[in-house]
N, C-alpha and C. Protein backbone atom coordinates (compact mmCIF):
# COMPACT_ATOMS: atom_id res chain seq x y z
N MET A 1 59.95 82.63 106.15
CA MET A 1 60.78 81.58 105.60
C MET A 1 61.72 81.09 106.69
N PRO A 2 61.50 79.92 107.22
CA PRO A 2 62.37 79.39 108.28
C PRO A 2 63.80 79.19 107.82
N LEU A 3 64.01 78.85 106.56
CA LEU A 3 65.36 78.62 106.09
C LEU A 3 66.18 79.91 106.08
N ALA A 4 65.58 81.05 105.85
CA ALA A 4 66.29 82.33 105.87
C ALA A 4 66.75 82.66 107.28
N GLY A 5 66.02 82.20 108.30
CA GLY A 5 66.45 82.43 109.68
C GLY A 5 67.73 81.70 110.03
N LEU A 6 68.07 80.67 109.27
CA LEU A 6 69.30 79.93 109.50
C LEU A 6 70.52 80.83 109.34
N LEU A 7 70.47 81.77 108.40
CA LEU A 7 71.61 82.65 108.17
C LEU A 7 71.91 83.53 109.38
N LEU A 8 70.93 83.78 110.22
CA LEU A 8 71.18 84.58 111.41
C LEU A 8 72.05 83.83 112.41
N PHE A 9 72.05 82.52 112.35
CA PHE A 9 72.82 81.72 113.28
C PHE A 9 74.13 81.20 112.69
N VAL A 10 74.28 81.28 111.40
CA VAL A 10 75.51 80.87 110.74
C VAL A 10 76.19 82.14 110.23
N VAL A 11 76.83 82.83 111.13
CA VAL A 11 77.44 84.11 110.78
C VAL A 11 78.84 83.84 110.25
N GLU A 12 78.98 83.95 108.95
CA GLU A 12 80.27 83.79 108.31
C GLU A 12 80.41 84.88 107.27
N ALA A 13 81.63 85.32 107.09
CA ALA A 13 81.89 86.42 106.16
C ALA A 13 81.48 86.08 104.74
N ARG A 14 81.65 84.83 104.34
CA ARG A 14 81.33 84.49 102.95
C ARG A 14 79.84 84.64 102.64
N TYR A 15 78.99 84.59 103.67
CA TYR A 15 77.56 84.77 103.45
C TYR A 15 77.16 86.24 103.51
N PHE A 16 77.79 87.01 104.37
CA PHE A 16 77.31 88.36 104.63
C PHE A 16 78.06 89.45 103.88
N VAL A 17 79.29 89.24 103.47
CA VAL A 17 80.02 90.28 102.75
C VAL A 17 79.34 90.65 101.44
N PRO A 18 78.84 89.71 100.64
CA PRO A 18 78.14 90.14 99.41
C PRO A 18 76.85 90.90 99.66
N VAL A 19 76.25 90.74 100.84
CA VAL A 19 74.97 91.37 101.14
C VAL A 19 75.17 92.76 101.76
N LEU A 20 76.39 93.07 102.21
CA LEU A 20 76.63 94.34 102.90
C LEU A 20 76.25 95.58 102.08
N PRO A 21 76.57 95.67 100.80
CA PRO A 21 76.14 96.87 100.06
C PRO A 21 74.62 97.06 100.05
N VAL A 22 73.88 95.97 99.91
CA VAL A 22 72.41 96.07 99.91
C VAL A 22 71.93 96.52 101.29
N LEU A 23 72.50 95.95 102.34
CA LEU A 23 72.10 96.35 103.69
C LEU A 23 72.45 97.81 103.97
N CYS A 24 73.56 98.28 103.43
CA CYS A 24 73.92 99.70 103.62
C CYS A 24 72.93 100.63 102.93
N VAL A 25 72.47 100.25 101.75
CA VAL A 25 71.48 101.07 101.04
C VAL A 25 70.17 101.09 101.84
N ILE A 26 69.75 99.94 102.34
CA ILE A 26 68.52 99.88 103.14
C ILE A 26 68.67 100.71 104.41
N ALA A 27 69.84 100.63 105.05
CA ALA A 27 70.08 101.42 106.26
C ALA A 27 70.08 102.91 105.94
N GLY A 28 70.64 103.27 104.80
CA GLY A 28 70.66 104.68 104.40
C GLY A 28 69.26 105.23 104.16
N ILE A 29 68.41 104.44 103.52
CA ILE A 29 67.02 104.86 103.31
C ILE A 29 66.31 105.01 104.65
N GLY A 30 66.57 104.08 105.56
CA GLY A 30 65.95 104.17 106.89
C GLY A 30 66.41 105.39 107.65
N VAL A 31 67.69 105.71 107.58
CA VAL A 31 68.20 106.91 108.28
C VAL A 31 67.60 108.17 107.65
N ALA A 32 67.46 108.19 106.33
CA ALA A 32 66.87 109.36 105.67
C ALA A 32 65.41 109.53 106.07
N ARG A 33 64.68 108.45 106.22
CA ARG A 33 63.28 108.54 106.62
C ARG A 33 63.13 108.96 108.07
N VAL A 34 64.03 108.51 108.92
CA VAL A 34 63.98 108.94 110.33
C VAL A 34 64.28 110.42 110.43
N GLY A 35 65.18 110.92 109.59
CA GLY A 35 65.55 112.33 109.64
C GLY A 35 64.53 113.26 108.99
N ARG A 36 63.56 112.74 108.28
CA ARG A 36 62.56 113.55 107.59
C ARG A 36 61.52 114.06 108.60
N ARG A 37 61.15 115.30 108.48
CA ARG A 37 60.13 115.88 109.36
C ARG A 37 58.81 115.97 108.62
N GLU A 38 57.77 115.89 109.39
CA GLU A 38 56.43 115.95 108.79
C GLU A 38 56.05 117.37 108.38
N ASP A 39 56.56 118.35 109.10
CA ASP A 39 56.21 119.75 108.83
C ASP A 39 57.18 120.32 107.80
N PRO A 40 56.72 120.56 106.56
CA PRO A 40 57.63 121.04 105.52
C PRO A 40 58.08 122.49 105.73
N SER A 41 57.40 123.25 106.57
CA SER A 41 57.78 124.64 106.78
C SER A 41 59.03 124.77 107.64
N ARG A 42 59.32 123.79 108.44
CA ARG A 42 60.50 123.85 109.30
C ARG A 42 61.74 123.54 108.49
N ALA A 43 62.85 124.01 108.93
CA ALA A 43 64.12 123.79 108.23
C ALA A 43 64.46 122.30 108.24
N ARG A 44 64.94 121.84 107.10
CA ARG A 44 65.30 120.42 107.02
C ARG A 44 66.66 120.22 107.65
N GLY A 45 66.79 119.21 108.40
CA GLY A 45 68.03 118.83 109.06
C GLY A 45 67.87 117.45 109.64
N ILE A 46 68.92 116.94 110.12
CA ILE A 46 68.87 115.60 110.67
C ILE A 46 68.47 115.70 112.14
N THR A 47 67.61 114.84 112.55
CA THR A 47 67.16 114.85 113.94
C THR A 47 68.20 114.16 114.81
N LEU A 48 68.02 114.28 116.11
CA LEU A 48 68.94 113.64 117.04
C LEU A 48 68.90 112.12 116.89
N LEU A 49 67.71 111.58 116.73
CA LEU A 49 67.58 110.13 116.54
C LEU A 49 68.25 109.70 115.23
N GLY A 50 68.08 110.46 114.20
CA GLY A 50 68.73 110.15 112.91
C GLY A 50 70.24 110.21 113.02
N ALA A 51 70.74 111.22 113.75
CA ALA A 51 72.19 111.33 113.93
C ALA A 51 72.74 110.15 114.73
N LEU A 52 72.00 109.73 115.75
CA LEU A 52 72.44 108.58 116.54
C LEU A 52 72.44 107.30 115.71
N LEU A 53 71.42 107.12 114.89
CA LEU A 53 71.38 105.94 114.03
C LEU A 53 72.50 105.96 112.99
N LEU A 54 72.77 107.12 112.44
CA LEU A 54 73.86 107.24 111.47
C LEU A 54 75.20 106.96 112.12
N ALA A 55 75.43 107.52 113.31
CA ALA A 55 76.69 107.28 114.02
C ALA A 55 76.84 105.80 114.39
N THR A 56 75.76 105.18 114.81
CA THR A 56 75.82 103.75 115.14
C THR A 56 76.12 102.92 113.92
N ALA A 57 75.49 103.25 112.80
CA ALA A 57 75.75 102.51 111.57
C ALA A 57 77.20 102.66 111.12
N LEU A 58 77.71 103.87 111.20
CA LEU A 58 79.10 104.10 110.79
C LEU A 58 80.10 103.45 111.75
N LEU A 59 79.82 103.55 113.04
CA LEU A 59 80.73 102.96 114.02
C LEU A 59 80.71 101.43 114.01
N SER A 60 79.66 100.85 113.47
CA SER A 60 79.60 99.39 113.41
C SER A 60 80.63 98.82 112.45
N PHE A 61 81.13 99.64 111.52
CA PHE A 61 82.15 99.17 110.59
C PHE A 61 83.56 99.28 111.15
N VAL A 62 83.75 100.00 112.24
CA VAL A 62 85.09 100.21 112.79
C VAL A 62 85.78 98.90 113.18
N PRO A 63 85.14 97.97 113.88
CA PRO A 63 85.86 96.72 114.19
C PRO A 63 86.28 95.94 112.94
N TRP A 64 85.47 95.97 111.91
CA TRP A 64 85.82 95.27 110.68
C TRP A 64 87.03 95.92 110.01
N ILE A 65 87.10 97.24 110.06
CA ILE A 65 88.21 97.95 109.45
C ILE A 65 89.50 97.75 110.25
N LEU A 66 89.40 97.75 111.57
CA LEU A 66 90.59 97.61 112.43
C LEU A 66 91.03 96.17 112.64
N ARG A 67 90.25 95.22 112.20
CA ARG A 67 90.54 93.81 112.44
C ARG A 67 91.94 93.37 112.00
N PRO A 68 92.43 93.77 110.83
CA PRO A 68 93.77 93.31 110.45
C PRO A 68 94.88 93.79 111.40
N TRP A 69 94.68 94.92 112.04
CA TRP A 69 95.71 95.44 112.95
C TRP A 69 95.60 94.86 114.35
N LEU A 70 94.43 94.42 114.73
CA LEU A 70 94.22 93.94 116.09
C LEU A 70 94.31 92.43 116.24
N ARG A 71 94.10 91.70 115.17
CA ARG A 71 94.08 90.25 115.28
C ARG A 71 95.06 89.64 114.29
N GLN A 72 95.82 88.71 114.76
CA GLN A 72 96.80 88.02 113.93
C GLN A 72 96.12 86.97 113.06
N ASP A 73 96.62 86.79 111.87
CA ASP A 73 96.11 85.75 110.99
C ASP A 73 96.48 84.39 111.57
N PRO A 74 95.49 83.53 111.86
CA PRO A 74 95.82 82.25 112.49
C PRO A 74 96.71 81.36 111.63
N ALA A 75 96.63 81.47 110.33
CA ALA A 75 97.46 80.66 109.46
C ALA A 75 98.68 81.42 108.95
N GLY A 76 98.95 82.60 109.53
CA GLY A 76 100.06 83.42 109.05
C GLY A 76 101.41 82.75 109.21
N VAL A 77 101.62 82.07 110.32
CA VAL A 77 102.90 81.40 110.56
C VAL A 77 103.10 80.27 109.56
N GLU A 78 102.02 79.54 109.27
CA GLU A 78 102.13 78.46 108.31
C GLU A 78 102.37 78.99 106.90
N LYS A 79 101.80 80.15 106.57
CA LYS A 79 102.06 80.76 105.26
C LYS A 79 103.53 81.14 105.12
N VAL A 80 104.08 81.76 106.17
CA VAL A 80 105.49 82.16 106.15
C VAL A 80 106.39 80.93 106.04
N ALA A 81 106.05 79.87 106.80
CA ALA A 81 106.84 78.64 106.75
C ALA A 81 106.76 78.02 105.35
N GLY A 82 105.59 78.02 104.76
CA GLY A 82 105.44 77.48 103.41
C GLY A 82 106.22 78.27 102.37
N ARG A 83 106.20 79.59 102.49
CA ARG A 83 106.97 80.42 101.55
C ARG A 83 108.46 80.20 101.72
N TRP A 84 108.90 80.06 102.99
CA TRP A 84 110.33 79.79 103.23
C TRP A 84 110.72 78.45 102.62
N LEU A 85 109.88 77.45 102.80
CA LEU A 85 110.14 76.12 102.25
C LEU A 85 110.19 76.16 100.73
N HIS A 86 109.31 76.94 100.14
CA HIS A 86 109.30 77.08 98.68
C HIS A 86 110.57 77.75 98.18
N SER A 87 110.99 78.80 98.87
CA SER A 87 112.20 79.51 98.42
C SER A 87 113.47 78.71 98.69
N THR A 88 113.45 77.86 99.70
CA THR A 88 114.63 77.08 100.04
C THR A 88 114.74 75.80 99.22
N ALA A 89 113.66 75.04 99.15
CA ALA A 89 113.70 73.73 98.49
C ALA A 89 113.09 73.73 97.10
N GLY A 90 112.37 74.78 96.76
CA GLY A 90 111.73 74.84 95.45
C GLY A 90 110.39 74.15 95.43
N PRO A 91 109.65 74.30 94.34
CA PRO A 91 108.33 73.66 94.24
C PRO A 91 108.49 72.14 94.15
N GLY A 92 107.48 71.45 94.63
CA GLY A 92 107.49 69.99 94.58
C GLY A 92 108.19 69.34 95.75
N VAL A 93 108.50 70.13 96.77
CA VAL A 93 109.19 69.57 97.94
C VAL A 93 108.25 68.62 98.69
N VAL A 94 108.83 67.57 99.24
CA VAL A 94 108.07 66.60 100.03
C VAL A 94 108.52 66.75 101.47
N PHE A 95 107.54 66.87 102.38
CA PHE A 95 107.87 67.04 103.80
C PHE A 95 107.02 66.11 104.64
N LEU A 96 107.51 65.82 105.83
CA LEU A 96 106.80 64.96 106.78
C LEU A 96 106.01 65.86 107.71
N GLY A 97 104.69 65.76 107.66
CA GLY A 97 103.81 66.59 108.48
C GLY A 97 102.52 66.84 107.73
N ARG A 98 101.45 67.03 108.49
CA ARG A 98 100.14 67.22 107.88
C ARG A 98 99.74 68.68 108.00
N TYR A 99 100.22 69.52 107.09
CA TYR A 99 99.94 70.95 107.12
C TYR A 99 99.54 71.40 105.71
N PRO A 100 98.23 71.45 105.42
CA PRO A 100 97.79 71.81 104.07
C PRO A 100 98.20 73.22 103.66
N VAL A 101 98.19 74.17 104.61
CA VAL A 101 98.56 75.55 104.26
C VAL A 101 100.04 75.62 103.87
N ILE A 102 100.89 74.93 104.61
CA ILE A 102 102.32 74.91 104.27
C ILE A 102 102.51 74.23 102.92
N GLY A 103 101.81 73.14 102.69
CA GLY A 103 101.93 72.46 101.41
C GLY A 103 101.47 73.32 100.24
N TYR A 104 100.43 74.11 100.46
CA TYR A 104 99.94 75.00 99.40
C TYR A 104 100.97 76.08 99.07
N TYR A 105 101.47 76.76 100.10
CA TYR A 105 102.41 77.86 99.86
C TYR A 105 103.79 77.36 99.44
N ALA A 106 104.14 76.14 99.80
CA ALA A 106 105.42 75.58 99.38
C ALA A 106 105.31 74.88 98.03
N GLU A 107 104.08 74.73 97.53
CA GLU A 107 103.81 73.97 96.33
C GLU A 107 104.42 72.58 96.46
N GLY A 108 104.20 71.98 97.64
CA GLY A 108 104.77 70.68 97.93
C GLY A 108 103.72 69.71 98.42
N ARG A 109 104.20 68.58 98.92
CA ARG A 109 103.32 67.51 99.36
C ARG A 109 103.73 67.08 100.76
N GLY A 110 102.74 66.95 101.62
CA GLY A 110 103.00 66.52 102.99
C GLY A 110 102.66 65.06 103.18
N ILE A 111 103.50 64.37 103.94
CA ILE A 111 103.25 62.98 104.30
C ILE A 111 102.72 62.99 105.73
N PRO A 112 101.54 62.43 105.97
CA PRO A 112 100.97 62.48 107.33
C PRO A 112 101.80 61.67 108.33
N PHE A 113 101.71 62.09 109.59
CA PHE A 113 102.45 61.43 110.67
C PHE A 113 101.94 60.01 110.93
N ALA A 114 100.66 59.82 110.84
CA ALA A 114 100.01 58.55 111.19
C ALA A 114 100.29 58.22 112.64
N ARG A 115 100.24 56.96 113.00
CA ARG A 115 100.46 56.53 114.39
C ARG A 115 101.73 55.69 114.52
N ARG A 116 102.71 55.96 113.70
CA ARG A 116 103.96 55.20 113.75
C ARG A 116 104.98 55.94 114.60
N SER A 117 105.99 55.24 115.00
CA SER A 117 107.06 55.87 115.78
C SER A 117 107.86 56.81 114.89
N LEU A 118 108.61 57.69 115.50
CA LEU A 118 109.39 58.67 114.74
C LEU A 118 110.44 57.98 113.89
N ASP A 119 111.05 56.92 114.40
CA ASP A 119 112.05 56.18 113.60
C ASP A 119 111.42 55.59 112.34
N ASP A 120 110.24 54.98 112.50
CA ASP A 120 109.54 54.43 111.34
C ASP A 120 109.14 55.52 110.36
N LEU A 121 108.66 56.64 110.90
CA LEU A 121 108.26 57.76 110.04
C LEU A 121 109.44 58.28 109.22
N LEU A 122 110.56 58.48 109.89
CA LEU A 122 111.73 59.02 109.19
C LEU A 122 112.25 58.05 108.13
N SER A 123 112.31 56.77 108.46
CA SER A 123 112.84 55.81 107.49
C SER A 123 111.91 55.66 106.29
N SER A 124 110.60 55.60 106.52
CA SER A 124 109.68 55.47 105.39
C SER A 124 109.56 56.76 104.59
N SER A 125 109.65 57.90 105.26
CA SER A 125 109.54 59.17 104.53
C SER A 125 110.78 59.45 103.69
N ARG A 126 111.93 58.97 104.14
CA ARG A 126 113.14 59.10 103.30
C ARG A 126 112.94 58.35 101.98
N GLY A 127 112.32 57.20 102.07
CA GLY A 127 112.05 56.42 100.86
C GLY A 127 111.06 57.12 99.94
N ASP A 128 110.18 57.94 100.51
CA ASP A 128 109.21 58.70 99.70
C ASP A 128 109.77 60.02 99.22
N GLY A 129 111.00 60.34 99.59
CA GLY A 129 111.64 61.57 99.12
C GLY A 129 111.47 62.77 100.03
N ALA A 130 111.02 62.57 101.26
CA ALA A 130 110.83 63.71 102.18
C ALA A 130 112.19 64.22 102.64
N ARG A 131 112.35 65.53 102.60
CA ARG A 131 113.60 66.16 103.02
C ARG A 131 113.43 66.99 104.28
N PHE A 132 112.17 67.23 104.70
CA PHE A 132 111.91 68.08 105.86
C PHE A 132 110.87 67.44 106.77
N LEU A 133 110.99 67.73 108.06
CA LEU A 133 110.00 67.36 109.07
C LEU A 133 109.47 68.66 109.65
N ILE A 134 108.15 68.82 109.69
CA ILE A 134 107.55 70.07 110.17
C ILE A 134 106.65 69.76 111.36
N VAL A 135 106.84 70.51 112.45
CA VAL A 135 106.02 70.37 113.65
C VAL A 135 105.58 71.76 114.11
N ASP A 136 104.47 71.80 114.85
CA ASP A 136 104.00 73.07 115.41
C ASP A 136 103.44 72.83 116.80
N ASN A 137 103.14 73.93 117.50
CA ASN A 137 102.65 73.80 118.87
C ASN A 137 101.13 73.97 118.99
N VAL A 138 100.41 74.00 117.88
CA VAL A 138 98.96 74.15 117.93
C VAL A 138 98.26 72.83 117.61
N ARG A 139 98.59 72.21 116.49
CA ARG A 139 97.93 70.97 116.10
C ARG A 139 98.59 69.73 116.68
N LEU A 140 99.88 69.80 116.89
CA LEU A 140 100.61 68.62 117.34
C LEU A 140 100.18 68.10 118.71
N PRO A 141 99.85 68.96 119.70
CA PRO A 141 99.41 68.41 120.98
C PRO A 141 98.15 67.55 120.88
N GLU A 142 97.30 67.82 119.91
CA GLU A 142 96.08 67.02 119.75
C GLU A 142 96.34 65.74 118.97
N SER A 143 97.19 65.81 117.96
CA SER A 143 97.37 64.65 117.10
C SER A 143 98.53 63.75 117.53
N ARG A 144 99.68 64.33 117.87
CA ARG A 144 100.85 63.55 118.23
C ARG A 144 101.58 64.17 119.42
N PRO A 145 101.04 64.04 120.63
CA PRO A 145 101.71 64.64 121.80
C PRO A 145 103.08 64.04 122.08
N ASP A 146 103.36 62.86 121.56
CA ASP A 146 104.67 62.26 121.78
C ASP A 146 105.78 62.99 121.03
N LEU A 147 105.43 63.81 120.04
CA LEU A 147 106.43 64.56 119.28
C LEU A 147 106.59 66.00 119.74
N LEU A 148 105.96 66.37 120.85
CA LEU A 148 106.00 67.76 121.32
C LEU A 148 107.42 68.23 121.67
N ALA A 149 108.30 67.34 122.02
CA ALA A 149 109.67 67.75 122.34
C ALA A 149 110.36 68.38 121.12
N LEU A 150 109.91 68.05 119.93
CA LEU A 150 110.50 68.62 118.72
C LEU A 150 110.13 70.08 118.51
N VAL A 151 109.05 70.54 119.13
CA VAL A 151 108.60 71.92 118.95
C VAL A 151 109.56 72.91 119.61
N ALA A 152 110.32 72.45 120.58
CA ALA A 152 111.28 73.34 121.26
C ALA A 152 112.35 73.84 120.31
N GLY A 153 112.58 73.12 119.22
CA GLY A 153 113.58 73.57 118.25
C GLY A 153 114.96 73.05 118.53
N ASP A 154 115.09 72.13 119.46
CA ASP A 154 116.38 71.52 119.76
C ASP A 154 116.52 70.25 118.92
N ALA A 155 117.66 70.09 118.32
CA ALA A 155 117.91 68.87 117.55
C ALA A 155 118.18 67.75 118.53
N LEU A 156 117.14 66.99 118.84
CA LEU A 156 117.26 65.91 119.81
C LEU A 156 117.82 64.64 119.19
N ARG A 157 117.87 64.59 117.91
CA ARG A 157 118.32 63.39 117.21
C ARG A 157 119.41 63.77 116.23
N PRO A 158 120.34 62.86 115.98
CA PRO A 158 121.42 63.19 115.05
C PRO A 158 120.96 63.26 113.59
N ASP A 159 119.82 62.65 113.27
CA ASP A 159 119.35 62.66 111.89
C ASP A 159 118.43 63.84 111.58
N LEU A 160 118.24 64.76 112.54
CA LEU A 160 117.43 65.95 112.32
C LEU A 160 118.24 67.20 112.61
N GLU A 161 118.12 68.18 111.75
CA GLU A 161 118.81 69.46 111.92
C GLU A 161 117.78 70.58 111.80
N VAL A 162 117.79 71.52 112.74
CA VAL A 162 116.84 72.63 112.69
C VAL A 162 117.19 73.50 111.48
N ALA A 163 116.24 73.65 110.58
CA ALA A 163 116.46 74.44 109.38
C ALA A 163 115.87 75.84 109.52
N HIS A 164 114.66 75.93 110.14
CA HIS A 164 114.01 77.24 110.23
C HIS A 164 112.93 77.18 111.32
N VAL A 165 112.79 78.30 112.04
CA VAL A 165 111.76 78.43 113.08
C VAL A 165 110.97 79.69 112.80
N VAL A 166 109.65 79.57 112.79
CA VAL A 166 108.76 80.72 112.57
C VAL A 166 107.83 80.81 113.77
N GLU A 167 107.71 82.02 114.34
CA GLU A 167 106.83 82.22 115.49
C GLU A 167 106.19 83.59 115.39
N ASP A 168 104.92 83.69 115.79
CA ASP A 168 104.24 84.98 115.78
C ASP A 168 104.07 85.50 117.20
N ARG A 169 103.49 86.68 117.32
CA ARG A 169 103.36 87.30 118.63
C ARG A 169 102.34 86.61 119.52
N ALA A 170 101.49 85.75 118.93
CA ALA A 170 100.52 85.00 119.71
C ALA A 170 101.12 83.71 120.28
N GLY A 171 102.33 83.37 119.88
CA GLY A 171 102.99 82.18 120.39
C GLY A 171 102.86 80.95 119.50
N HIS A 172 102.23 81.10 118.34
CA HIS A 172 102.12 79.98 117.40
C HIS A 172 103.50 79.76 116.78
N ARG A 173 104.00 78.55 116.90
CA ARG A 173 105.38 78.25 116.49
C ARG A 173 105.39 77.07 115.52
N VAL A 174 106.13 77.24 114.44
CA VAL A 174 106.35 76.17 113.47
C VAL A 174 107.85 75.97 113.35
N VAL A 175 108.28 74.71 113.53
CA VAL A 175 109.70 74.37 113.44
C VAL A 175 109.89 73.44 112.25
N ILE A 176 110.82 73.79 111.38
CA ILE A 176 111.12 72.98 110.20
C ILE A 176 112.49 72.34 110.41
N TYR A 177 112.52 71.02 110.38
CA TYR A 177 113.76 70.26 110.51
C TYR A 177 114.16 69.73 109.14
N ARG A 178 115.45 69.75 108.88
CA ARG A 178 115.98 69.10 107.68
C ARG A 178 116.31 67.66 108.07
N ILE A 179 115.84 66.70 107.29
CA ILE A 179 116.11 65.29 107.56
C ILE A 179 117.43 64.94 106.90
N ARG A 180 118.38 64.56 107.72
CA ARG A 180 119.69 64.15 107.19
C ARG A 180 119.61 62.73 106.65
N SER A 181 120.31 62.49 105.60
CA SER A 181 120.31 61.15 104.99
C SER A 181 121.17 60.17 105.75
């Protein structure tokens, strides 16, 4: 089946995690068959090859188990920023910035930056009820490099006040500004 071969090239957890128990049972049967001896008079035990296969199968799960401790959640900073926004401004908050994860955890709505100047963005977003401006150092360089100075966390404008800064050990930084009226 050529279509089944596609799964070998699209390695994603959502496809393979449900299949892992079945693969473990198949691997267990294979290890048991490798460890079986043809001569029934000899003592039963696991062979060297069977032990190596068992150790390899067990050790293959170690990176998956250690993953949460070794790798940072890429959206972790945005989750923390969204929770802070929710606890500070409450649900239904409107902010200037295109961050779906922050909007989800803040239970709020984001207004996209578009290609307008910062003055136009701030004046139109005030009319839409936005109280916060959110910038980060990961997506902003690709979408709006002209706003990168805001990522430093310095209030460069009198109508913006730094409300909260979230940063992880990987250097991902989210800065939340309060828009002054």
